[in-house]
Amino acid sequence: MPLATATARLAADAPNYVVALEAGRHALTGDEGPHAGGENRGPAPFDFVLSGLAACTAATLRMYMQRKTWPNATIGVEVSLHAEQDGTQFIRRGVTVEGVDEAQRARLAEICEKTPVTLFIKRGTRIDTTLSAA
């Protein structure tokens, strides 16, 4: 049984790269920006990847704080994709949590490195692809 599912459908008459997506039971739209020939009607693929990392980070920190019975606090996560001169890509993640002390902040920094999506990205994942005619 899958842990998560998503589908994408790019209709023959769709404008360039406007993709109808379903993530679980949620309908989304993906697209590329004008710089890549799209119409910017939705996030680009890497935007979805980064959004997943940001959402997982914030939710995991909230779960951890709840388990420790720390007061709920506003959690902000900003992630961005970068490339080195040699083409090596990396993600920069900035996290802010209001109202925590130094020891709590240090522990939350450790937890950031253990979130499920963080570990998924860092370890890499095999992709098995099949292609068939409709």
N, C-alpha and C. Protein backbone atom coordinates (compact mmCIF):
# COMPACT_ATOMS: atom_id res chain seq x y z
N MET A 1 0.85 -1.19 0.00
CA MET A 1 0.00 0.00 0.00
C MET A 1 0.89 1.24 0.00
N PRO A 2 0.60 2.20 -0.87
CA PRO A 2 1.43 3.41 -0.94
C PRO A 2 1.32 4.27 0.32
N LEU A 3 2.40 4.95 0.63
CA LEU A 3 2.41 5.89 1.75
C LEU A 3 1.77 7.22 1.36
N ALA A 4 1.86 7.58 0.10
CA ALA A 4 1.26 8.81 -0.43
C ALA A 4 1.07 8.61 -1.92
N THR A 5 0.12 9.32 -2.51
CA THR A 5 -0.09 9.24 -3.94
C THR A 5 -0.30 10.63 -4.53
N ALA A 6 0.06 10.74 -5.79
CA ALA A 6 -0.19 11.97 -6.54
C ALA A 6 -0.35 11.58 -8.00
N THR A 7 -1.18 12.34 -8.71
CA THR A 7 -1.34 12.12 -10.14
C THR A 7 -1.24 13.46 -10.86
N ALA A 8 -0.83 13.40 -12.10
CA ALA A 8 -0.73 14.59 -12.95
C ALA A 8 -1.36 14.26 -14.29
N ARG A 9 -2.09 15.22 -14.83
CA ARG A 9 -2.68 15.06 -16.15
C ARG A 9 -2.50 16.35 -16.92
N LEU A 10 -1.82 16.24 -18.05
CA LEU A 10 -1.61 17.38 -18.94
C LEU A 10 -2.43 17.10 -20.20
N ALA A 11 -3.58 17.74 -20.28
CA ALA A 11 -4.50 17.50 -21.40
C ALA A 11 -3.89 17.98 -22.71
N ALA A 12 -4.29 17.34 -23.79
CA ALA A 12 -3.76 17.69 -25.12
C ALA A 12 -4.03 19.15 -25.46
N ASP A 13 -5.16 19.68 -25.00
CA ASP A 13 -5.51 21.07 -25.33
C ASP A 13 -5.15 22.06 -24.22
N ALA A 14 -4.40 21.60 -23.21
CA ALA A 14 -4.00 22.49 -22.11
C ALA A 14 -2.96 23.48 -22.60
N PRO A 15 -2.98 24.70 -22.04
CA PRO A 15 -1.94 25.66 -22.40
C PRO A 15 -0.58 25.16 -21.92
N ASN A 16 0.35 25.04 -22.83
CA ASN A 16 1.73 24.59 -22.59
C ASN A 16 1.88 23.62 -21.43
N TYR A 17 2.17 24.11 -20.23
CA TYR A 17 2.58 23.25 -19.14
C TYR A 17 1.63 23.27 -17.95
N VAL A 18 0.38 23.67 -18.16
CA VAL A 18 -0.60 23.70 -17.08
C VAL A 18 -1.04 22.26 -16.80
N VAL A 19 -0.70 21.79 -15.62
CA VAL A 19 -0.92 20.39 -15.26
C VAL A 19 -1.97 20.31 -14.15
N ALA A 20 -2.97 19.46 -14.36
CA ALA A 20 -3.96 19.18 -13.32
C ALA A 20 -3.38 18.10 -12.41
N LEU A 21 -3.30 18.41 -11.13
CA LEU A 21 -2.68 17.51 -10.17
C LEU A 21 -3.69 17.08 -9.10
N GLU A 22 -3.49 15.91 -8.59
CA GLU A 22 -4.20 15.46 -7.41
C GLU A 22 -3.17 14.92 -6.44
N ALA A 23 -3.17 15.45 -5.26
CA ALA A 23 -2.29 14.97 -4.18
C ALA A 23 -3.21 14.43 -3.10
N GLY A 24 -3.30 13.10 -3.01
CA GLY A 24 -4.31 12.52 -2.14
C GLY A 24 -5.67 12.91 -2.69
N ARG A 25 -6.48 13.59 -1.88
CA ARG A 25 -7.81 14.04 -2.31
C ARG A 25 -7.84 15.53 -2.66
N HIS A 26 -6.67 16.15 -2.79
CA HIS A 26 -6.59 17.58 -3.01
C HIS A 26 -6.27 17.88 -4.47
N ALA A 27 -7.07 18.75 -5.08
CA ALA A 27 -6.84 19.16 -6.46
C ALA A 27 -5.93 20.38 -6.47
N LEU A 28 -4.91 20.34 -7.32
CA LEU A 28 -3.94 21.42 -7.43
C LEU A 28 -3.66 21.68 -8.90
N THR A 29 -3.03 22.80 -9.17
CA THR A 29 -2.60 23.12 -10.53
C THR A 29 -1.11 23.41 -10.49
N GLY A 30 -0.39 22.82 -11.42
CA GLY A 30 1.03 23.10 -11.56
C GLY A 30 1.29 23.76 -12.89
N ASP A 31 2.34 24.52 -12.99
CA ASP A 31 2.70 25.20 -14.23
C ASP A 31 4.17 25.61 -14.12
N GLU A 32 4.67 26.12 -15.17
CA GLU A 32 5.99 26.74 -15.18
C GLU A 32 5.78 28.25 -15.27
N GLY A 33 6.79 28.99 -14.89
CA GLY A 33 6.72 30.44 -15.01
C GLY A 33 6.95 30.86 -16.45
N PRO A 34 6.66 32.12 -16.77
CA PRO A 34 6.86 32.62 -18.13
C PRO A 34 8.28 32.44 -18.66
N HIS A 35 9.27 32.50 -17.77
CA HIS A 35 10.67 32.33 -18.19
C HIS A 35 10.92 30.94 -18.78
N ALA A 36 10.06 29.97 -18.43
CA ALA A 36 10.22 28.60 -18.94
C ALA A 36 9.13 28.25 -19.94
N GLY A 37 8.37 29.25 -20.40
CA GLY A 37 7.34 29.01 -21.40
C GLY A 37 5.97 28.71 -20.84
N GLY A 38 5.80 28.81 -19.53
CA GLY A 38 4.50 28.57 -18.92
C GLY A 38 3.72 29.85 -18.71
N GLU A 39 2.59 29.71 -18.04
CA GLU A 39 1.71 30.85 -17.80
C GLU A 39 1.61 31.21 -16.32
N ASN A 40 2.38 30.54 -15.48
CA ASN A 40 2.42 30.84 -14.05
C ASN A 40 1.06 30.68 -13.38
N ARG A 41 0.31 29.66 -13.79
CA ARG A 41 -1.02 29.42 -13.22
C ARG A 41 -0.97 28.60 -11.94
N GLY A 42 0.21 28.14 -11.60
CA GLY A 42 0.38 27.36 -10.38
C GLY A 42 1.86 27.21 -10.11
N PRO A 43 2.19 26.61 -8.98
CA PRO A 43 3.60 26.41 -8.66
C PRO A 43 4.29 25.51 -9.68
N ALA A 44 5.57 25.75 -9.86
CA ALA A 44 6.41 24.90 -10.70
C ALA A 44 6.80 23.66 -9.90
N PRO A 45 7.26 22.61 -10.56
CA PRO A 45 7.58 21.37 -9.84
C PRO A 45 8.51 21.54 -8.64
N PHE A 46 9.59 22.30 -8.78
CA PHE A 46 10.48 22.47 -7.63
C PHE A 46 9.81 23.26 -6.51
N ASP A 47 8.86 24.13 -6.85
CA ASP A 47 8.11 24.85 -5.81
C ASP A 47 7.32 23.86 -4.96
N PHE A 48 6.75 22.84 -5.61
CA PHE A 48 6.02 21.82 -4.85
C PHE A 48 6.96 21.04 -3.94
N VAL A 49 8.12 20.69 -4.42
CA VAL A 49 9.10 19.96 -3.60
C VAL A 49 9.49 20.80 -2.39
N LEU A 50 9.82 22.06 -2.63
CA LEU A 50 10.22 22.93 -1.53
C LEU A 50 9.07 23.18 -0.56
N SER A 51 7.84 23.30 -1.09
CA SER A 51 6.68 23.48 -0.22
C SER A 51 6.48 22.28 0.68
N GLY A 52 6.70 21.08 0.14
CA GLY A 52 6.58 19.87 0.95
C GLY A 52 7.59 19.85 2.08
N LEU A 53 8.82 20.26 1.77
CA LEU A 53 9.86 20.31 2.81
C LEU A 53 9.50 21.34 3.87
N ALA A 54 9.04 22.50 3.46
CA ALA A 54 8.68 23.56 4.41
C ALA A 54 7.50 23.12 5.28
N ALA A 55 6.48 22.54 4.66
CA ALA A 55 5.31 22.09 5.42
C ALA A 55 5.68 21.00 6.41
N CYS A 56 6.48 20.04 5.98
CA CYS A 56 6.90 18.95 6.85
C CYS A 56 7.72 19.49 8.02
N THR A 57 8.60 20.43 7.75
CA THR A 57 9.43 21.00 8.82
C THR A 57 8.55 21.67 9.87
N ALA A 58 7.64 22.53 9.42
CA ALA A 58 6.78 23.26 10.37
C ALA A 58 5.90 22.29 11.17
N ALA A 59 5.28 21.33 10.48
CA ALA A 59 4.39 20.40 11.16
C ALA A 59 5.15 19.51 12.15
N THR A 60 6.34 19.04 11.75
CA THR A 60 7.13 18.19 12.64
C THR A 60 7.55 18.96 13.89
N LEU A 61 7.96 20.21 13.72
CA LEU A 61 8.32 21.02 14.89
C LEU A 61 7.12 21.21 15.81
N ARG A 62 5.94 21.48 15.23
CA ARG A 62 4.74 21.64 16.05
C ARG A 62 4.44 20.35 16.81
N MET A 63 4.53 19.20 16.12
CA MET A 63 4.28 17.91 16.79
C MET A 63 5.25 17.71 17.95
N TYR A 64 6.51 18.00 17.71
CA TYR A 64 7.53 17.83 18.75
C TYR A 64 7.22 18.74 19.94
N MET A 65 6.89 19.98 19.66
CA MET A 65 6.60 20.93 20.73
C MET A 65 5.37 20.50 21.53
N GLN A 66 4.37 19.95 20.84
CA GLN A 66 3.18 19.47 21.54
C GLN A 66 3.52 18.29 22.45
N ARG A 67 4.35 17.37 21.94
CA ARG A 67 4.73 16.21 22.75
C ARG A 67 5.51 16.62 24.00
N LYS A 68 6.28 17.69 23.87
CA LYS A 68 7.05 18.21 25.01
C LYS A 68 6.21 19.13 25.89
N THR A 69 4.95 19.34 25.50
CA THR A 69 4.03 20.27 26.15
C THR A 69 4.57 21.69 26.26
N TRP A 70 5.34 22.06 25.23
CA TRP A 70 5.77 23.45 25.13
C TRP A 70 4.60 24.25 24.57
N PRO A 71 4.51 25.52 24.91
CA PRO A 71 3.40 26.33 24.37
C PRO A 71 3.46 26.41 22.84
N ASN A 72 2.28 26.43 22.21
CA ASN A 72 2.24 26.62 20.76
C ASN A 72 2.90 27.95 20.43
N ALA A 73 3.64 27.97 19.35
CA ALA A 73 4.33 29.18 18.91
C ALA A 73 4.20 29.28 17.40
N THR A 74 4.35 30.47 16.90
CA THR A 74 4.38 30.65 15.46
C THR A 74 5.69 30.09 14.93
N ILE A 75 5.58 29.27 13.89
CA ILE A 75 6.75 28.65 13.27
C ILE A 75 6.81 29.12 11.83
N GLY A 76 7.93 29.65 11.43
CA GLY A 76 8.12 30.09 10.05
C GLY A 76 9.24 29.29 9.40
N VAL A 77 9.01 28.81 8.19
CA VAL A 77 10.02 28.05 7.46
C VAL A 77 10.14 28.62 6.06
N GLU A 78 11.34 28.98 5.67
CA GLU A 78 11.59 29.48 4.32
C GLU A 78 12.67 28.61 3.69
N VAL A 79 12.36 28.05 2.53
CA VAL A 79 13.32 27.20 1.83
C VAL A 79 13.53 27.72 0.41
N SER A 80 14.75 27.56 -0.07
CA SER A 80 15.05 28.00 -1.43
C SER A 80 16.08 27.06 -2.03
N LEU A 81 15.98 26.89 -3.34
CA LEU A 81 16.89 26.03 -4.08
C LEU A 81 17.98 26.88 -4.70
N HIS A 82 19.21 26.43 -4.57
CA HIS A 82 20.37 27.17 -5.08
C HIS A 82 21.26 26.24 -5.89
N ALA A 83 22.12 26.83 -6.71
CA ALA A 83 23.10 26.06 -7.47
C ALA A 83 24.47 26.71 -7.33
N GLU A 84 25.46 25.87 -7.11
CA GLU A 84 26.85 26.32 -7.05
C GLU A 84 27.34 26.57 -8.48
N GLN A 85 28.51 27.19 -8.61
CA GLN A 85 29.11 27.45 -9.92
C GLN A 85 29.30 26.16 -10.71
N ASP A 86 29.61 25.06 -10.01
CA ASP A 86 29.85 23.78 -10.69
C ASP A 86 28.56 23.02 -10.99
N GLY A 87 27.41 23.61 -10.67
CA GLY A 87 26.13 22.97 -10.94
C GLY A 87 25.55 22.20 -9.78
N THR A 88 26.32 22.01 -8.72
CA THR A 88 25.83 21.32 -7.54
C THR A 88 24.66 22.10 -6.96
N GLN A 89 23.55 21.42 -6.72
CA GLN A 89 22.37 22.08 -6.17
C GLN A 89 22.26 21.80 -4.68
N PHE A 90 21.69 22.75 -3.96
CA PHE A 90 21.45 22.57 -2.53
C PHE A 90 20.25 23.40 -2.12
N ILE A 91 19.68 23.01 -1.00
CA ILE A 91 18.53 23.71 -0.44
C ILE A 91 18.99 24.47 0.79
N ARG A 92 18.57 25.71 0.89
CA ARG A 92 18.83 26.52 2.08
C ARG A 92 17.49 26.63 2.82
N ARG A 93 17.49 26.31 4.11
CA ARG A 93 16.27 26.36 4.92
C ARG A 93 16.50 27.26 6.12
N GLY A 94 15.62 28.22 6.30
CA GLY A 94 15.65 29.09 7.47
C GLY A 94 14.39 28.86 8.29
N VAL A 95 14.54 28.69 9.58
CA VAL A 95 13.42 28.39 10.46
C VAL A 95 13.39 29.41 11.59
N THR A 96 12.23 29.95 11.88
CA THR A 96 12.06 30.83 13.03
C THR A 96 10.94 30.27 13.90
N VAL A 97 11.19 30.27 15.20
CA VAL A 97 10.18 29.82 16.16
C VAL A 97 10.12 30.88 17.26
N GLU A 98 8.95 31.43 17.46
CA GLU A 98 8.79 32.47 18.47
C GLU A 98 8.69 31.87 19.87
N GLY A 99 9.25 32.55 20.82
CA GLY A 99 9.03 32.24 22.22
C GLY A 99 9.72 31.00 22.77
N VAL A 100 10.82 30.59 22.17
CA VAL A 100 11.56 29.45 22.73
C VAL A 100 12.90 29.93 23.26
N ASP A 101 13.40 29.22 24.26
CA ASP A 101 14.69 29.61 24.82
C ASP A 101 15.83 28.97 24.02
N GLU A 102 17.05 29.25 24.42
CA GLU A 102 18.23 28.79 23.67
C GLU A 102 18.31 27.27 23.61
N ALA A 103 18.03 26.59 24.71
CA ALA A 103 18.08 25.13 24.73
C ALA A 103 17.00 24.53 23.84
N GLN A 104 15.81 25.10 23.89
CA GLN A 104 14.72 24.61 23.03
C GLN A 104 15.05 24.85 21.56
N ARG A 105 15.61 26.01 21.26
CA ARG A 105 15.98 26.33 19.88
C ARG A 105 17.02 25.33 19.37
N ALA A 106 17.99 24.98 20.19
CA ALA A 106 19.01 24.02 19.79
C ALA A 106 18.39 22.65 19.52
N ARG A 107 17.45 22.24 20.36
CA ARG A 107 16.79 20.94 20.15
C ARG A 107 15.95 20.97 18.89
N LEU A 108 15.25 22.05 18.64
CA LEU A 108 14.43 22.16 17.43
C LEU A 108 15.30 22.14 16.17
N ALA A 109 16.50 22.70 16.25
CA ALA A 109 17.42 22.65 15.11
C ALA A 109 17.80 21.20 14.81
N GLU A 110 17.99 20.39 15.85
CA GLU A 110 18.27 18.96 15.64
C GLU A 110 17.08 18.26 15.01
N ILE A 111 15.88 18.59 15.46
CA ILE A 111 14.67 17.97 14.93
C ILE A 111 14.49 18.32 13.45
N CYS A 112 14.84 19.54 13.06
CA CYS A 112 14.73 19.94 11.64
C CYS A 112 15.47 18.96 10.74
N GLU A 113 16.60 18.46 11.20
CA GLU A 113 17.41 17.54 10.39
C GLU A 113 16.85 16.13 10.36
N LYS A 114 15.80 15.87 11.14
CA LYS A 114 15.22 14.53 11.23
C LYS A 114 13.80 14.45 10.71
N THR A 115 13.28 15.52 10.11
CA THR A 115 11.91 15.46 9.61
C THR A 115 11.82 14.44 8.49
N PRO A 116 10.67 13.82 8.30
CA PRO A 116 10.55 12.79 7.26
C PRO A 116 10.94 13.26 5.86
N VAL A 117 10.52 14.44 5.46
CA VAL A 117 10.85 14.90 4.11
C VAL A 117 12.33 15.27 4.00
N THR A 118 12.90 15.82 5.07
CA THR A 118 14.34 16.10 5.08
C THR A 118 15.12 14.82 4.84
N LEU A 119 14.79 13.77 5.58
CA LEU A 119 15.49 12.49 5.45
C LEU A 119 15.27 11.90 4.06
N PHE A 120 14.07 12.02 3.54
CA PHE A 120 13.72 11.52 2.20
C PHE A 120 14.60 12.19 1.14
N ILE A 121 14.73 13.50 1.22
CA ILE A 121 15.54 14.24 0.25
C ILE A 121 17.01 13.90 0.40
N LYS A 122 17.50 13.87 1.63
CA LYS A 122 18.92 13.63 1.86
C LYS A 122 19.36 12.24 1.46
N ARG A 123 18.51 11.26 1.64
CA ARG A 123 18.94 9.89 1.34
C ARG A 123 18.75 9.54 -0.12
N GLY A 124 17.90 10.29 -0.83
CA GLY A 124 17.61 9.94 -2.21
C GLY A 124 16.67 8.75 -2.24
N THR A 125 15.91 8.62 -3.28
CA THR A 125 14.92 7.55 -3.36
C THR A 125 14.89 6.99 -4.77
N ARG A 126 14.84 5.69 -4.86
CA ARG A 126 14.75 5.01 -6.15
C ARG A 126 13.39 5.34 -6.80
N ILE A 127 13.40 5.52 -8.09
CA ILE A 127 12.17 5.74 -8.84
C ILE A 127 12.07 4.65 -9.89
N ASP A 128 11.01 3.84 -9.83
CA ASP A 128 10.75 2.79 -10.81
C ASP A 128 9.67 3.32 -11.76
N THR A 129 10.00 3.43 -13.04
CA THR A 129 9.09 4.03 -14.03
C THR A 129 8.66 2.99 -15.04
N THR A 130 7.36 3.00 -15.35
CA THR A 130 6.84 2.22 -16.47
C THR A 130 6.12 3.20 -17.39
N LEU A 131 6.21 2.97 -18.69
CA LEU A 131 5.57 3.83 -19.67
C LEU A 131 4.70 2.94 -20.55
N SER A 132 3.42 3.35 -20.69
CA SER A 132 2.51 2.55 -21.50
C SER A 132 1.65 3.48 -22.36
N ALA A 133 1.04 2.91 -23.38
CA ALA A 133 0.12 3.67 -24.24
C ALA A 133 -1.24 3.71 -23.54
N ALA A 134 -1.96 4.81 -23.72
CA ALA A 134 -3.27 4.95 -23.10
C ALA A 134 -4.30 4.14 -23.85
